[in-house]
Amino acid sequence: MSSFSQLGLSSAMLANLQQLGYQTPTPIQTLAVPPALAGRDVIALAQTGSGKTAAFGIGLVERLRPKTFAVQGLVLCPTRELADQVAKSLRALARAKDNVKVLTLCGGVPIGPQIGSLSHGAHLVVGTPGRVQDHLRKGTLQLDRLQALVLDEADRMLEMGFEEAVEDIISQTPQKRQTLMFSATWPENIRQLSARYQAEPVDLRVSDEATAPDIHELFYEIAPGQQAEALMALLSERQPPSCIAFCSTKQQCDEMAAALNERGFAALALHGDLEQKDRDSVLVRFANQSCPVLVATDVAARGLDIKSLPLVVNVDPARDPEVHTHRVGRTGRAGEQGLAVTFCTPAQAHKINRLEAGRSAPVLWGDTAALLATPVRPLKPAMRTLCIGSGRKEKVRPGDVLGALTGDAGLPGTAVGKIDLFDYQCFVAIEAGFANEALKRLENGRIKGRKMRVRFA
């Protein structure tokens, strides 16, 4: 389908989509929006990056009744990062209607402010299963008027051990509701969940060819313990503006990030042990080009929305071919070319054999000696991030920050990058050459007429 206008959407939604830069529907949007609008149950097999959030989000917003101030839509996500991303997309889609409130309910942050927000009501809630359960137990979240339930990345949710929590939440929703399930894979437990909780669902599959990314894969055989050296050589050779390096454990993430930083490469670790404010800071700095290398575990990286990612590295081979596919699928999106590199020791060769067996074709091996001979050239980040100690709750807006930097501080507008606003802090990317000047000016100046704490993130 070549146009959103053929999907039966309201004129307000069409105008909003145009303003948001949505040009033509992706294959999953073409298939999922009409049945979602019609109130049908949907089970959709769709990869991360296929446009699935808008595929269910458009229907959620179109079917909303803003004057009914009750939770009408609930989206369950496996991770906080994905929940934040989905909520952000829903808020943008909800501009098509007046006064729609979208709330995020995730663990890792104090529950008190969430209870306060819920007491004022919400139309759409996006959350992780554990925290949604907490609110249901406390009676702070009411689902008696729920119209639609969405399970996003359902396979990942069950894989992470949320099956009981998901079933408990579903048991507290009205029987007459719409249920939409989106999953990247189709294991038996997903089929069983669909059979138990969906009524004659529309079954949608998007073929890989329809959204096939342009990815070149290379494999290097290395000696045990050579991972850090090989990764530095690869980064020196390719000089990517951004790269995710996947590690198997949290400890390996921390050690690899420390080794890279020691040699002058700006790298940050992302894993489940980080507190929410630290995760926010890491993700913001990676997305706004203040840090070119993110060293992450699979769980932490699930649901990340990084638009341009030229390089993905498997520091160790993934535990199975499916995880490998998810990892490398983060590059080569939106028509851009991507490179995926996997390092493998002789003892890990069986994992590559399994990968080849599934593809019925050999993988392409690179010249390890030539790679390791590359002189070390650390990546220099294009931006630096300032953290301002006030946010949404103090009524700070991106325009206030931009105005303070380009007006009072006298910076050129082109030197200011992405501005990310959170409840109690704000991050702003500044071109590296202007960063020290920007910090000095903001320390001595004011935002919205007030002095605010400013530091480098």
Protein backbone atom coordinates (compact mmCIF):
# COMPACT_ATOMS: atom_id res chain seq x y z
CA MET A 1 0.00 0.00 0.00
CA SER A 2 1.44 3.36 -0.98
CA SER A 3 -0.46 5.72 1.34
CA PHE A 4 -1.80 6.04 4.90
CA SER A 5 -4.93 7.61 3.39
CA GLN A 6 -5.94 4.14 2.18
CA LEU A 7 -6.02 2.72 5.72
CA GLY A 8 -9.28 4.38 6.81
CA LEU A 9 -7.73 6.88 9.25
CA SER A 10 -9.24 10.15 10.48
CA SER A 11 -8.16 13.37 8.79
CA ALA A 12 -6.60 14.52 12.10
CA MET A 13 -4.45 11.37 12.28
CA LEU A 14 -3.44 11.70 8.60
CA ALA A 15 -2.37 15.31 9.18
CA ASN A 16 -0.47 14.29 12.33
CA LEU A 17 1.33 11.43 10.54
CA GLN A 18 2.36 13.82 7.78
CA GLN A 19 3.69 16.29 10.35
CA LEU A 20 5.63 13.47 12.09
CA GLY A 21 7.29 12.54 8.80
CA TYR A 22 5.48 9.22 8.21
CA GLN A 23 5.40 8.97 4.42
CA THR A 24 4.23 5.50 3.44
CA PRO A 25 3.12 2.65 5.70
CA THR A 26 5.56 -0.19 6.32
CA PRO A 27 4.37 -3.74 5.47
CA ILE A 28 3.36 -4.47 9.10
CA GLN A 29 1.47 -1.16 9.34
CA THR A 30 -0.39 -1.91 6.11
CA LEU A 31 -1.45 -5.32 7.45
CA ALA A 32 -2.10 -4.49 11.13
CA VAL A 33 -3.77 -1.05 11.15
CA PRO A 34 -7.10 -2.02 9.47
CA PRO A 35 -7.92 -4.98 11.80
CA ALA A 36 -6.68 -2.97 14.82
CA LEU A 37 -9.01 -0.11 13.85
CA ALA A 38 -11.87 -2.59 13.47
CA GLY A 39 -11.33 -3.83 17.04
CA ARG A 40 -10.12 -7.28 16.00
CA ASP A 41 -7.55 -9.29 17.95
CA VAL A 42 -4.19 -9.42 16.14
CA ILE A 43 -1.16 -11.70 16.40
CA ALA A 44 1.70 -10.29 14.35
CA LEU A 45 5.14 -11.68 13.61
CA ALA A 46 7.30 -8.58 13.17
CA GLN A 47 10.94 -7.69 13.82
CA THR A 48 12.18 -4.73 15.88
CA GLY A 49 12.52 -1.79 13.47
CA SER A 50 9.60 -2.83 11.24
CA GLY A 51 7.34 0.02 12.39
CA LYS A 52 5.26 -2.12 14.75
CA THR A 53 4.77 0.59 17.40
CA ALA A 54 2.80 2.73 14.94
CA ALA A 55 1.10 -0.47 13.68
CA PHE A 56 -0.68 -0.85 17.03
CA GLY A 57 -0.36 2.76 18.24
CA ILE A 58 -2.41 4.29 15.44
CA GLY A 59 -5.33 1.99 16.25
CA LEU A 60 -5.03 2.64 20.01
CA VAL A 61 -5.22 6.41 19.51
CA GLU A 62 -7.93 6.35 16.85
CA ARG A 63 -10.22 4.22 19.06
CA LEU A 64 -9.65 6.36 22.18
CA ARG A 65 -12.41 8.46 23.75
CA PRO A 66 -10.49 11.34 25.41
CA LYS A 67 -13.54 12.51 27.38
CA THR A 68 -13.63 9.13 29.14
CA PHE A 69 -10.85 9.71 31.64
CA ALA A 70 -9.93 6.09 32.34
CA VAL A 71 -7.22 3.67 31.19
CA GLN A 72 -8.44 2.48 27.79
CA GLY A 73 -5.20 1.04 26.42
CA LEU A 74 -2.40 -0.90 28.16
CA VAL A 75 0.89 -1.81 26.43
CA LEU A 76 3.16 -4.33 28.19
CA CYS A 77 6.86 -4.30 27.24
CA PRO A 78 9.77 -6.50 28.40
CA THR A 79 12.19 -3.64 29.23
CA ARG A 80 12.12 -0.07 30.50
CA GLU A 81 13.94 1.15 27.39
CA LEU A 82 11.30 -0.27 25.07
CA ALA A 83 8.48 1.05 27.30
CA ASP A 84 9.99 4.56 27.21
CA GLN A 85 10.35 4.39 23.43
CA VAL A 86 6.77 3.13 22.92
CA ALA A 87 5.37 5.82 25.24
CA LYS A 88 7.28 8.50 23.33
CA SER A 89 5.85 7.25 20.01
CA LEU A 90 2.31 7.06 21.43
CA ARG A 91 2.53 10.64 22.73
CA ALA A 92 3.51 11.78 19.24
CA LEU A 93 0.65 9.81 17.63
CA ALA A 94 -1.79 11.11 20.28
CA ARG A 95 -1.31 14.68 19.04
CA ALA A 96 -4.08 13.77 16.60
CA LYS A 97 -6.51 14.14 19.53
CA ASP A 98 -6.87 16.72 22.30
CA ASN A 99 -5.85 16.06 25.90
CA VAL A 100 -4.69 12.43 25.67
CA LYS A 101 -2.55 11.41 28.65
CA VAL A 102 0.06 8.65 28.23
CA LEU A 103 1.78 7.27 31.36
CA THR A 104 4.85 5.03 31.70
CA LEU A 105 4.94 2.55 34.60
CA CYS A 106 8.33 0.85 34.91
CA GLY A 107 10.46 -0.47 37.75
CA GLY A 108 13.84 0.97 38.70
CA VAL A 109 12.31 4.34 39.63
CA PRO A 110 10.35 5.38 42.76
CA ILE A 111 6.71 4.26 42.71
CA GLY A 112 5.42 7.36 44.56
CA PRO A 113 5.42 9.81 41.62
CA GLN A 114 3.73 7.13 39.47
CA ILE A 115 0.96 6.77 42.06
CA GLY A 116 0.55 10.56 42.02
CA SER A 117 0.30 10.62 38.22
CA LEU A 118 -2.21 7.75 38.19
CA SER A 119 -4.40 9.58 40.73
CA HIS A 120 -4.92 12.29 38.08
CA GLY A 121 -5.98 9.66 35.51
CA ALA A 122 -4.58 8.45 32.17
CA HIS A 123 -5.87 7.18 28.83
CA LEU A 124 -2.94 4.99 27.79
CA VAL A 125 -0.47 3.17 30.03
CA VAL A 126 2.83 1.65 28.86
CA GLY A 127 4.71 -0.47 31.36
CA THR A 128 6.77 -3.47 32.34
CA PRO A 129 4.87 -6.44 33.84
CA GLY A 130 6.40 -6.27 37.34
CA ARG A 131 5.59 -2.60 37.96
CA VAL A 132 2.11 -2.87 36.40
CA GLN A 133 1.44 -5.77 38.81
CA ASP A 134 2.65 -3.58 41.71
CA HIS A 135 0.08 -0.90 40.85
CA LEU A 136 -2.71 -3.44 40.41
CA ARG A 137 -1.90 -4.91 43.84
CA LYS A 138 -1.95 -1.45 45.44
CA GLY A 139 -5.20 -0.57 43.66
CA THR A 140 -3.56 2.50 42.08
CA LEU A 141 -4.17 1.19 38.54
CA GLN A 142 -7.74 0.39 37.45
CA LEU A 143 -8.28 -1.67 34.29
CA ASP A 144 -12.07 -2.11 34.48
CA ARG A 145 -12.61 0.15 31.45
CA LEU A 146 -9.73 -1.19 29.40
CA GLN A 147 -10.54 -1.56 25.70
CA ALA A 148 -7.22 -2.76 24.28
CA LEU A 149 -4.25 -4.74 25.61
CA VAL A 150 -0.98 -4.89 23.64
CA LEU A 151 1.82 -7.38 24.34
CA ASP A 152 4.88 -5.91 22.62
CA GLU A 153 7.87 -8.21 22.00
CA ALA A 154 5.80 -10.97 23.60
CA ASP A 155 8.45 -13.64 22.96
CA ARG A 156 11.05 -11.60 24.84
CA MET A 157 8.64 -11.01 27.71
CA LEU A 158 8.11 -14.75 28.19
CA GLU A 159 11.81 -15.50 27.66
CA MET A 160 12.63 -13.12 30.53
CA GLY A 161 10.31 -15.02 32.87
CA PHE A 162 7.28 -12.70 32.81
CA GLU A 163 4.73 -15.37 31.78
CA GLU A 164 3.03 -15.59 35.21
CA ALA A 165 2.99 -11.80 35.59
CA VAL A 166 1.48 -11.33 32.13
CA GLU A 167 -1.23 -13.92 32.83
CA ASP A 168 -1.99 -12.30 36.20
CA ILE A 169 -2.39 -8.88 34.52
CA ILE A 170 -4.60 -10.31 31.76
CA SER A 171 -6.84 -11.94 34.40
CA GLN A 172 -7.55 -8.45 35.79
CA THR A 173 -8.71 -6.99 32.46
CA PRO A 174 -12.27 -7.09 31.09
CA GLN A 175 -13.13 -10.23 29.11
CA LYS A 176 -14.49 -8.06 26.31
CA ARG A 177 -11.29 -6.40 25.17
CA GLN A 178 -9.11 -6.25 22.12
CA THR A 179 -5.77 -8.10 22.46
CA LEU A 180 -2.86 -7.42 20.13
CA MET A 181 0.34 -9.50 20.32
CA PHE A 182 3.55 -8.56 18.53
CA SER A 183 6.44 -11.02 18.53
CA ALA A 184 9.68 -11.41 16.58
CA THR A 185 9.53 -15.22 16.85
CA TRP A 186 6.75 -17.81 17.07
CA PRO A 187 7.59 -20.28 19.88
CA GLU A 188 5.08 -22.72 21.39
CA ASN A 189 4.42 -20.64 24.53
CA ILE A 190 3.40 -17.65 22.36
CA ARG A 191 0.97 -19.86 20.42
CA GLN A 192 -0.50 -21.10 23.72
CA LEU A 193 -0.85 -17.56 25.09
CA SER A 194 -2.67 -16.51 21.92
CA ALA A 195 -4.99 -19.53 22.08
CA ARG A 196 -5.91 -18.75 25.72
CA TYR A 197 -6.45 -15.02 25.52
CA GLN A 198 -7.33 -14.05 21.95
CA ALA A 199 -10.59 -14.47 20.08
CA GLU A 200 -10.18 -15.42 16.40
CA PRO A 201 -7.06 -13.27 15.99
CA VAL A 202 -6.00 -11.96 12.59
CA ASP A 203 -2.67 -13.75 11.99
CA LEU A 204 -0.12 -11.48 10.30
CA ARG A 205 3.38 -12.39 9.08
CA VAL A 206 5.75 -9.97 7.43
CA SER A 207 8.23 -11.80 5.27
CA ASP A 208 11.87 -11.00 5.94
CA GLU A 209 12.28 -9.96 2.31
CA ALA A 210 9.76 -7.17 2.77
CA THR A 211 11.98 -5.44 5.33
CA ALA A 212 15.31 -7.08 4.49
CA PRO A 213 18.13 -4.89 5.80
CA ASP A 214 21.33 -4.29 3.83
CA ILE A 215 23.88 -6.01 6.10
CA HIS A 216 27.38 -7.24 5.30
CA GLU A 217 28.64 -9.86 7.78
CA LEU A 218 32.27 -10.70 8.61
CA PHE A 219 33.66 -13.28 11.04
CA TYR A 220 37.15 -13.28 12.61
CA GLU A 221 38.80 -16.20 14.42
CA ILE A 222 40.75 -14.87 17.40
CA ALA A 223 42.69 -16.35 20.32
CA PRO A 224 41.03 -16.51 23.77
CA GLY A 225 41.42 -13.17 25.58
CA GLN A 226 42.00 -11.27 22.33
CA GLN A 227 38.51 -9.72 22.21
CA ALA A 228 39.43 -6.23 23.46
CA GLU A 229 42.44 -6.01 21.12
CA ALA A 230 40.33 -7.16 18.14
CA LEU A 231 37.51 -4.72 18.95
CA MET A 232 39.92 -1.76 19.23
CA ALA A 233 41.53 -2.74 15.92
CA LEU A 234 38.12 -2.95 14.22
CA LEU A 235 36.98 0.42 15.61
CA SER A 236 40.31 1.97 14.57
CA GLU A 237 39.97 0.58 11.05
CA ARG A 238 36.29 1.43 10.48
CA GLN A 239 35.97 4.65 12.56
CA PRO A 240 32.16 4.29 12.91
CA PRO A 241 30.18 7.24 14.35
CA SER A 242 28.33 4.67 16.49
CA CYS A 243 28.64 0.98 17.29
CA ILE A 244 27.02 -1.54 19.64
CA ALA A 245 29.35 -4.28 20.91
CA PHE A 246 27.43 -7.23 22.39
CA CYS A 247 28.84 -9.13 25.37
CA SER A 248 27.50 -12.23 27.12
CA THR A 249 27.64 -10.99 30.73
CA LYS A 250 27.36 -7.77 32.74
CA GLN A 251 30.91 -8.21 34.05
CA GLN A 252 32.26 -8.62 30.51
CA CYS A 253 30.44 -5.40 29.53
CA ASP A 254 32.05 -3.43 32.35
CA GLU A 255 35.51 -4.87 31.67
CA MET A 256 35.31 -4.25 27.92
CA ALA A 257 34.09 -0.65 28.35
CA ALA A 258 36.89 -0.01 30.88
CA ALA A 259 39.53 -1.47 28.50
CA LEU A 260 38.28 0.73 25.63
CA ASN A 261 38.24 3.89 27.75
CA GLU A 262 41.77 3.16 28.99
CA ARG A 263 42.99 3.28 25.37
CA GLY A 264 41.13 6.52 24.58
CA PHE A 265 37.90 5.10 23.06
CA ALA A 266 34.76 6.71 24.47
CA ALA A 267 32.65 3.71 25.54
CA LEU A 268 29.74 3.13 27.92
CA ALA A 269 28.39 -0.12 29.37
CA LEU A 270 24.64 -0.92 29.36
CA HIS A 271 23.28 -3.81 31.42
CA GLY A 272 20.60 -4.69 33.95
CA ASP A 273 22.55 -3.61 37.04
CA LEU A 274 22.46 0.10 36.17
CA GLU A 275 20.04 2.37 38.04
CA GLN A 276 17.42 4.06 35.90
CA LYS A 277 19.05 7.52 35.97
CA ASP A 278 22.35 5.97 34.85
CA ARG A 279 20.62 4.01 32.07
CA ASP A 280 18.94 7.21 30.89
CA SER A 281 22.29 9.00 30.82
CA VAL A 282 24.00 6.15 28.91
CA LEU A 283 21.25 5.87 26.30
CA VAL A 284 21.01 9.62 25.79
CA ARG A 285 24.78 9.97 25.27
CA PHE A 286 24.89 7.07 22.83
CA ALA A 287 21.88 8.30 20.82
CA ASN A 288 23.11 11.92 20.63
CA GLN A 289 26.63 10.96 19.40
CA SER A 290 28.44 11.93 22.63
CA CYS A 291 29.65 8.35 23.00
CA PRO A 292 30.37 6.26 19.88
CA VAL A 293 30.59 2.79 21.53
CA LEU A 294 27.88 1.10 23.57
CA VAL A 295 28.94 -2.20 25.17
CA ALA A 296 25.70 -4.04 26.00
CA THR A 297 24.09 -7.30 27.02
CA ASP A 298 21.23 -8.66 24.89
CA VAL A 299 18.53 -7.91 27.45
CA ALA A 300 19.66 -4.30 27.98
CA ALA A 301 19.83 -3.60 24.24
CA ARG A 302 16.38 -5.02 23.44
CA GLY A 303 14.01 -2.29 22.26
CA LEU A 304 16.65 0.41 21.74
CA ASP A 305 15.64 2.83 19.02
CA ILE A 306 18.93 3.93 17.44
CA LYS A 307 18.14 5.24 13.99
CA SER A 308 21.60 5.05 12.41
CA LEU A 309 23.91 2.25 13.49
CA PRO A 310 26.60 1.42 10.90
CA LEU A 311 28.38 -1.27 12.95
CA VAL A 312 27.35 -4.11 15.29
CA VAL A 313 30.00 -6.35 16.89
CA ASN A 314 29.54 -9.69 18.59
CA VAL A 315 32.44 -9.71 21.05
CA ASP A 316 31.52 -13.40 21.51
CA PRO A 317 29.18 -15.36 19.22
CA ALA A 318 25.52 -15.20 20.30
CA ARG A 319 24.19 -18.18 22.26
CA ASP A 320 21.97 -19.27 19.35
CA PRO A 321 21.20 -18.28 15.73
CA GLU A 322 17.99 -16.44 16.71
CA VAL A 323 19.83 -14.11 19.13
CA HIS A 324 22.51 -13.60 16.44
CA THR A 325 19.80 -12.49 13.99
CA HIS A 326 18.37 -10.01 16.54
CA ARG A 327 21.81 -8.55 17.24
CA VAL A 328 22.91 -8.03 13.65
CA GLY A 329 19.42 -6.81 12.67
CA ARG A 330 20.09 -3.57 14.55
CA THR A 331 22.32 -2.34 11.73
CA GLY A 332 21.45 -1.77 8.07
CA ARG A 333 18.05 -0.21 8.79
CA ALA A 334 16.08 2.46 6.95
CA GLY A 335 17.88 1.85 3.67
CA GLU A 336 21.37 2.31 5.12
CA GLN A 337 24.20 -0.20 4.72
CA GLY A 338 25.37 -1.95 7.87
CA LEU A 339 28.31 -4.09 8.93
CA ALA A 340 28.03 -6.91 11.49
CA VAL A 341 31.27 -8.45 12.80
CA THR A 342 31.57 -11.55 14.98
CA PHE A 343 34.69 -12.58 16.90
CA CYS A 344 35.07 -16.30 17.60
CA THR A 345 37.67 -18.41 19.43
CA PRO A 346 38.34 -22.00 18.26
CA ALA A 347 36.38 -23.30 21.28
CA GLN A 348 33.32 -21.32 20.12
CA ALA A 349 33.39 -22.67 16.56
CA HIS A 350 30.34 -24.92 17.21
CA LYS A 351 28.15 -21.79 17.46
CA ILE A 352 29.25 -20.66 14.01
CA ASN A 353 28.63 -24.20 12.68
CA ARG A 354 25.03 -23.97 13.96
CA LEU A 355 24.65 -20.60 12.28
CA GLU A 356 25.92 -22.00 8.96
CA ALA A 357 23.64 -25.04 9.24
CA GLY A 358 20.61 -22.78 9.63
CA ARG A 359 21.62 -20.71 6.60
CA SER A 360 22.76 -23.63 4.45
CA ALA A 361 25.71 -21.43 3.44
CA PRO A 362 29.19 -20.74 4.83
CA VAL A 363 29.94 -17.49 6.65
CA LEU A 364 32.58 -15.07 5.36
CA TRP A 365 35.85 -15.04 7.33
CA GLY A 366 38.08 -11.95 7.52
CA ASP A 367 41.89 -11.77 7.76
CA THR A 368 42.57 -11.68 11.53
CA ALA A 369 46.30 -10.93 11.18
CA ALA A 370 45.59 -7.93 8.93
CA LEU A 371 42.90 -6.67 11.32
CA LEU A 372 45.12 -6.93 14.42
CA ALA A 373 47.92 -5.07 12.58
CA THR A 374 45.68 -1.94 12.36
CA PRO A 375 47.25 0.99 14.30
CA VAL A 376 45.06 2.10 17.23
CA ARG A 377 43.14 5.29 16.40
CA PRO A 378 40.60 6.07 19.18
CA LEU A 379 37.17 7.29 18.09
CA LYS A 380 36.50 10.93 18.92
CA PRO A 381 32.85 11.69 19.72
CA ALA A 382 31.31 14.48 17.65
CA MET A 383 29.30 15.80 20.63
CA ARG A 384 29.50 16.20 24.42
CA THR A 385 26.45 16.09 26.67
CA LEU A 386 25.55 18.65 29.32
CA CYS A 387 23.22 17.57 32.13
CA ILE A 388 20.96 20.31 33.52
CA GLY A 389 19.56 19.58 36.99
CA SER A 390 15.93 20.50 36.19
CA GLY A 391 13.36 18.93 33.92
CA ARG A 392 9.72 18.50 33.00
CA LYS A 393 8.47 18.76 36.59
CA GLU A 394 10.06 22.22 36.91
CA LYS A 395 8.34 23.23 33.64
CA VAL A 396 11.60 23.27 31.65
CA ARG A 397 11.04 22.85 27.91
CA PRO A 398 13.55 22.14 25.09
CA GLY A 399 12.92 25.66 23.74
CA ASP A 400 14.02 27.18 27.06
CA VAL A 401 17.34 25.33 26.92
CA LEU A 402 17.90 26.14 23.26
CA GLY A 403 17.07 29.79 23.92
CA ALA A 404 19.50 29.99 26.85
CA LEU A 405 22.29 28.50 24.74
CA THR A 406 21.78 30.40 21.49
CA GLY A 407 20.49 33.64 23.03
CA ASP A 408 22.17 34.50 26.32
CA ALA A 409 25.12 32.13 25.83
CA GLY A 410 25.61 33.18 22.22
CA LEU A 411 26.23 29.72 20.75
CA PRO A 412 25.36 29.11 17.08
CA GLY A 413 22.18 27.03 16.76
CA THR A 414 24.07 24.48 14.65
CA ALA A 415 26.29 23.66 17.66
CA VAL A 416 23.30 22.43 19.69
CA GLY A 417 22.22 18.84 19.07
CA LYS A 418 19.54 16.61 20.57
CA ILE A 419 17.76 17.82 23.74
CA ASP A 420 16.33 15.03 25.93
CA LEU A 421 13.95 16.05 28.68
CA PHE A 422 13.24 13.88 31.76
CA ASP A 423 11.17 14.63 34.88
CA TYR A 424 14.01 16.05 36.96
CA GLN A 425 16.88 16.54 34.52
CA CYS A 426 17.60 17.52 30.95
CA PHE A 427 20.42 16.40 28.64
CA VAL A 428 21.64 18.54 25.74
CA ALA A 429 24.23 17.54 23.13
CA ILE A 430 26.76 20.22 22.18
CA GLU A 431 29.34 20.04 19.39
CA ALA A 432 32.59 18.99 21.10
CA GLY A 433 34.40 22.20 20.12
CA PHE A 434 31.76 24.38 21.83
CA ALA A 435 31.12 22.17 24.88
CA ASN A 436 33.40 23.88 27.44
CA GLU A 437 32.15 27.32 26.41
CA ALA A 438 28.52 26.15 26.68
CA LEU A 439 29.11 24.76 30.18
CA LYS A 440 30.75 28.00 31.33
CA ARG A 441 28.00 30.18 29.88
CA LEU A 442 25.19 28.11 31.44
CA GLU A 443 26.95 28.00 34.83
CA ASN A 444 27.05 31.80 34.82
CA GLY A 445 23.71 32.33 33.10
CA ARG A 446 20.04 31.46 33.62
CA ILE A 447 17.36 29.22 32.12
CA LYS A 448 13.79 30.55 32.41
CA GLY A 449 15.24 33.26 34.65
CA ARG A 450 16.59 30.73 37.14
CA LYS A 451 20.08 29.52 38.02
CA MET A 452 20.30 25.77 37.39
CA ARG A 453 22.93 23.11 38.14
CA VAL A 454 24.86 22.20 35.00
CA ARG A 455 27.60 19.56 34.55
CA PHE A 456 28.98 17.24 31.89
CA ALA A 457 27.10 13.93 31.86
